[in-house]
Protein backbone atom coordinates (compact mmCIF):
# COMPACT_ATOMS: atom_id res chain seq x y z
CA MET A 1 143.35 129.03 132.87
CA GLN A 2 144.04 128.36 129.23
CA ASN A 3 141.11 127.77 126.89
CA ASP A 4 141.06 124.22 125.52
CA LYS A 5 140.16 125.71 122.12
CA PRO A 6 142.04 129.00 121.96
CA GLY A 7 140.79 129.93 118.52
CA ILE A 8 137.08 129.78 119.26
CA GLU A 9 136.66 133.36 120.49
CA LYS A 10 138.50 134.68 117.48
CA VAL A 11 136.57 132.83 114.81
CA GLU A 12 133.09 132.99 116.32
CA GLN A 13 132.51 136.48 115.01
CA LYS A 14 129.02 135.91 113.57
CA THR A 15 127.43 135.40 116.98
CA GLN A 16 126.99 137.99 119.72
CA GLU A 17 127.04 135.35 122.45
CA ARG A 18 129.99 133.20 123.32
CA LYS A 19 128.93 129.78 124.53
CA PRO A 20 130.72 126.88 126.24
CA ALA A 21 132.42 124.53 123.81
CA GLU A 22 130.08 121.60 124.55
CA VAL A 23 127.01 123.76 124.00
CA ARG A 24 128.35 125.05 120.70
CA ARG A 25 129.30 121.54 119.61
CA PHE A 26 125.78 120.33 120.34
CA GLU A 27 124.30 123.22 118.36
CA ILE A 28 126.48 122.37 115.37
CA LEU A 29 125.51 118.70 115.51
CA TYR A 30 121.81 119.51 115.86
CA ALA A 31 121.88 121.91 112.91
CA ALA A 32 123.91 119.49 110.79
CA ARG A 33 121.51 116.64 111.53
CA GLU A 34 118.52 118.70 110.40
CA LEU A 35 120.30 119.72 107.21
CA PHE A 36 121.56 116.22 106.37
CA ILE A 37 118.09 114.77 106.89
CA GLU A 38 116.49 117.48 104.78
CA LYS A 39 119.00 117.68 101.92
CA GLY A 40 121.29 114.66 102.08
CA PHE A 41 125.05 114.60 102.57
CA ASP A 42 126.09 115.83 99.12
CA ARG A 43 123.86 118.92 99.16
CA VAL A 44 124.96 120.25 102.53
CA SER A 45 128.08 122.41 102.96
CA MET A 46 129.93 123.46 106.08
CA GLU A 47 128.87 127.00 105.21
CA ASP A 48 125.22 125.87 105.42
CA VAL A 49 125.83 124.49 108.88
CA ALA A 50 127.62 127.65 109.97
CA ASP A 51 124.79 129.84 108.70
CA LYS A 52 122.19 127.77 110.54
CA VAL A 53 124.10 128.05 113.82
CA LYS A 54 124.99 131.70 113.11
CA ILE A 55 128.74 131.26 113.49
CA SER A 56 131.63 131.38 111.04
CA LYS A 57 132.59 128.41 108.89
CA ALA A 58 136.01 128.49 110.55
CA ALA A 59 134.32 127.90 113.91
CA VAL A 60 132.60 124.78 112.56
CA TYR A 61 135.95 123.45 111.36
CA LEU A 62 137.41 123.93 114.83
CA TYR A 63 134.98 121.34 116.15
CA PHE A 64 134.83 119.07 113.10
CA PRO A 65 137.82 118.94 110.69
CA SER A 66 135.69 117.75 107.77
CA LYS A 67 132.10 117.39 106.63
CA ALA A 68 132.54 113.61 106.66
CA GLU A 69 133.48 113.62 110.35
CA LEU A 70 130.59 115.95 111.12
CA PHE A 71 128.18 113.65 109.27
CA LEU A 72 129.40 110.52 111.06
CA GLU A 73 129.23 112.24 114.43
CA THR A 74 125.59 113.27 113.82
CA ILE A 75 124.82 109.59 113.30
CA GLY A 76 126.87 108.58 116.32
CA GLN A 77 125.14 111.12 118.54
CA ALA A 78 121.72 109.95 117.34
CA VAL A 79 122.59 106.31 118.06
CA ASP A 80 123.86 107.25 121.53
CA LYS A 81 120.52 108.99 122.13
CA LEU A 82 118.66 105.89 120.90
CA VAL A 83 120.62 103.69 123.34
CA SER A 84 119.86 106.13 126.16
CA ASP A 85 116.15 106.23 125.28
CA LEU A 86 115.99 102.43 125.16
CA GLU A 87 117.67 102.16 128.55
CA MET A 88 115.06 104.56 129.93
CA SER A 89 112.27 102.57 128.26
CA PHE A 90 113.39 99.37 129.96
CA THR A 91 114.18 100.69 133.45
CA ASP A 92 111.83 103.60 134.22
CA PRO A 93 109.47 102.72 135.80
CA PRO A 94 111.05 99.38 136.74
CA HIS A 95 107.95 97.19 137.05
CA ARG A 96 106.29 97.64 133.67
CA SER A 97 105.13 94.67 131.62
CA THR A 98 107.16 93.34 128.70
CA VAL A 99 104.59 94.68 126.23
CA GLU A 100 104.83 98.16 127.76
CA LYS A 101 108.62 98.07 127.54
CA LEU A 102 108.56 96.93 123.92
CA ASN A 103 105.97 99.55 123.05
CA SER A 104 108.26 102.25 124.46
CA ALA A 105 111.20 100.75 122.57
CA ASN A 106 109.22 100.88 119.34
CA LYS A 107 108.53 104.57 119.91
CA ALA A 108 112.26 105.17 120.43
CA LEU A 109 112.95 103.44 117.11
CA GLN A 110 110.32 105.62 115.47
CA ASN A 111 112.09 108.75 116.73
CA TYR A 112 115.37 107.47 115.28
CA SER A 113 113.91 106.67 111.86
CA PRO A 114 114.94 109.91 110.03
CA VAL A 115 118.59 109.27 110.92
CA PHE A 116 118.26 105.60 109.98
CA THR A 117 116.93 106.61 106.56
CA MET A 118 119.70 109.18 106.11
CA THR A 119 122.35 106.62 107.04
CA HIS A 120 120.87 103.96 104.77
CA HIS A 121 120.84 106.28 101.77
CA MET A 122 124.45 107.30 102.38
CA SER A 123 125.67 103.74 102.95
CA GLU A 124 124.36 102.77 99.52
CA SER A 125 127.20 104.85 98.05
CA GLY A 126 129.69 102.76 100.03
CA PHE A 127 131.19 105.75 101.88
CA PRO A 128 133.80 106.53 99.20
CA ASP A 129 137.40 106.69 100.44
CA GLU A 130 138.02 110.09 98.89
CA VAL A 131 135.32 111.54 101.15
CA PHE A 132 135.38 109.19 104.13
CA PRO A 133 138.97 108.15 104.96
CA PRO A 134 139.23 104.48 106.02
CA ARG A 135 140.68 105.56 109.37
CA ILE A 136 137.53 107.39 110.48
CA ILE A 137 135.24 104.77 108.96
CA LYS A 138 137.01 102.06 110.96
CA LEU A 139 136.47 103.98 114.19
CA PHE A 140 132.87 104.72 113.25
CA VAL A 141 132.08 101.07 112.47
CA LYS A 142 133.63 99.99 115.78
CA ARG A 143 131.49 102.49 117.65
CA MET A 144 128.31 101.43 115.81
CA ASN A 145 128.98 97.74 116.42
CA GLU A 146 129.37 98.40 120.13
CA ARG A 147 126.08 100.33 120.24
CA LYS A 148 124.30 97.65 118.20
CA GLN A 149 125.48 94.96 120.60
CA ARG A 150 124.31 97.06 123.53
CA ILE A 151 120.85 97.40 121.98
CA TRP A 152 120.61 93.68 121.28
CA ASP A 153 121.77 92.84 124.82
CA MET A 154 119.12 95.12 126.33
CA LEU A 155 116.38 93.69 124.15
CA ARG A 156 117.48 90.13 124.85
CA GLY A 157 117.19 90.87 128.56
CA VAL A 158 113.66 92.17 128.07
CA PHE A 159 112.60 89.08 126.12
CA GLU A 160 114.25 86.72 128.62
CA HIS A 161 112.44 88.45 131.48
CA GLY A 162 109.18 88.26 129.53
CA GLN A 163 109.68 84.53 128.99
CA ASN A 164 110.38 83.98 132.69
CA GLU A 165 107.20 85.90 133.53
CA GLY A 166 105.13 83.91 131.05
CA GLU A 167 104.48 86.93 128.80
CA ILE A 168 106.56 85.75 125.83
CA ARG A 169 106.58 82.35 124.11
CA PRO A 170 109.36 80.29 125.73
CA ASP A 171 110.13 78.27 122.58
CA LEU A 172 111.67 81.23 120.73
CA PRO A 173 115.33 82.15 121.42
CA ALA A 174 115.45 85.50 123.23
CA GLY A 175 118.56 86.56 121.32
CA GLU A 176 116.88 85.98 117.96
CA LEU A 177 113.76 87.83 119.11
CA ALA A 178 115.94 90.78 120.14
CA LYS A 179 117.63 91.02 116.74
CA LEU A 180 114.36 90.57 114.89
CA PHE A 181 112.63 93.26 116.94
CA ALA A 182 115.47 95.76 116.45
CA ILE A 183 115.84 95.17 112.70
CA TYR A 184 112.15 94.85 111.90
CA GLY A 185 111.25 97.78 114.13
CA MET A 186 113.78 100.07 112.48
CA LEU A 187 112.68 99.07 108.99
CA LEU A 188 109.05 99.73 109.83
CA ALA A 189 109.94 102.98 111.56
CA SER A 190 111.74 104.26 108.46
CA SER A 191 108.82 103.41 106.17
CA GLU A 192 105.51 105.23 105.80
CA VAL A 193 103.63 102.62 107.82
CA ALA A 194 101.49 104.24 110.52
CA TYR A 195 102.85 103.85 114.05
CA GLU A 196 99.81 101.98 115.36
CA THR A 197 99.99 99.50 112.48
CA ALA A 198 103.70 98.96 113.05
CA LYS A 199 103.08 98.38 116.75
CA GLU A 200 100.35 95.84 116.07
CA VAL A 201 102.56 93.91 113.65
CA LEU A 202 105.59 93.97 115.94
CA LEU A 203 103.82 92.99 119.13
CA LYS A 204 100.87 90.88 117.94
CA GLY A 205 101.71 89.60 114.49
CA ILE A 206 99.30 89.31 111.59
CA LEU A 207 97.50 86.02 112.25
CA LYS A 208 93.84 86.25 113.19
CA ASN A 209 94.15 83.31 115.59
CA LYS A 210 97.40 82.54 117.42
CA ARG A 211 97.27 78.86 116.57
CA ASP A 212 96.51 79.25 112.87
CA ASN A 213 99.04 77.30 110.83
CA LEU A 214 99.77 78.92 107.50
CA PHE A 215 102.12 76.12 106.56
CA LYS A 216 99.76 73.22 107.19
CA GLU A 217 99.90 70.83 104.28
CA ASP A 218 96.73 70.31 102.30
CA GLU A 219 95.06 67.10 103.22
């Protein structure tokens, strides 16, 4: 049987162990993610990634034709993991309360925060065309929009179920709650706010009494 990547054995000369392509690809992505989080996109080279995985630079290029594509795939893989973790949070075990599900979701967002911060810092530069060709950015944005919609749909389902069970205020649109939870949770997760404080704010708010009205006009 022909190898799907015939050049891999030849260029992987720095390692004593040949590994399946998917295992090697995962190792490259994991190493790249750590380096990008630690140093930022501009200060990481493909040689750095190769050295961390203990393979040749040519082997890295077999899996990822450019540093830009490697960077975007590290983000994509992290988002896929976030979606998977959220699905697990909402379905296993199946009979948990809404608060328990949202607490697990908040923890998943916390775990994603280093990648969120890395992505935010890079997006401030506008992903320059000379580094990130529009073709791959278009595909990346499509993929991220699909994952974002999936996250919002899952959260909306949790809030709708909580409203039906009497656990969540019924006067607030479930779709808006889902978007607010996802955005606010990610922002808090990427800050230096302690996890317990973030959880309290997300799930209980900041008012001492639920029926306090901060906007009540002075009489």
